[in-house]
Amino acid sequence: MVKLKWGMEYKGYLVSVDSYMNLQLANAEEYIDGQSTGNLGEILIRCNNVLYLRGVPEDEEIEEADQD
């Protein structure tokens, strides 16, 4: 999960990170105010926009897949 300075969150599979901490996510989903706004696919997030990133526990991913 990546949270931006502006409050948006993105959840996806981390594909790559460069030396500047630019992030590439695959199968990314956008969340605004905790609500999913849809699947974006593959995205690149520029480093200066990132507030923080955190890992999502595997069991949380499995639960969401079961709900779909």
Foldseek 3Di string as FASTA:
>chain_A
DWAWPVQKDKDAQWDDADPLRWTKGAQIWIDHPNHTPGTDGIDIHGNVGTPDDDDDDPVVVVVVVVVD
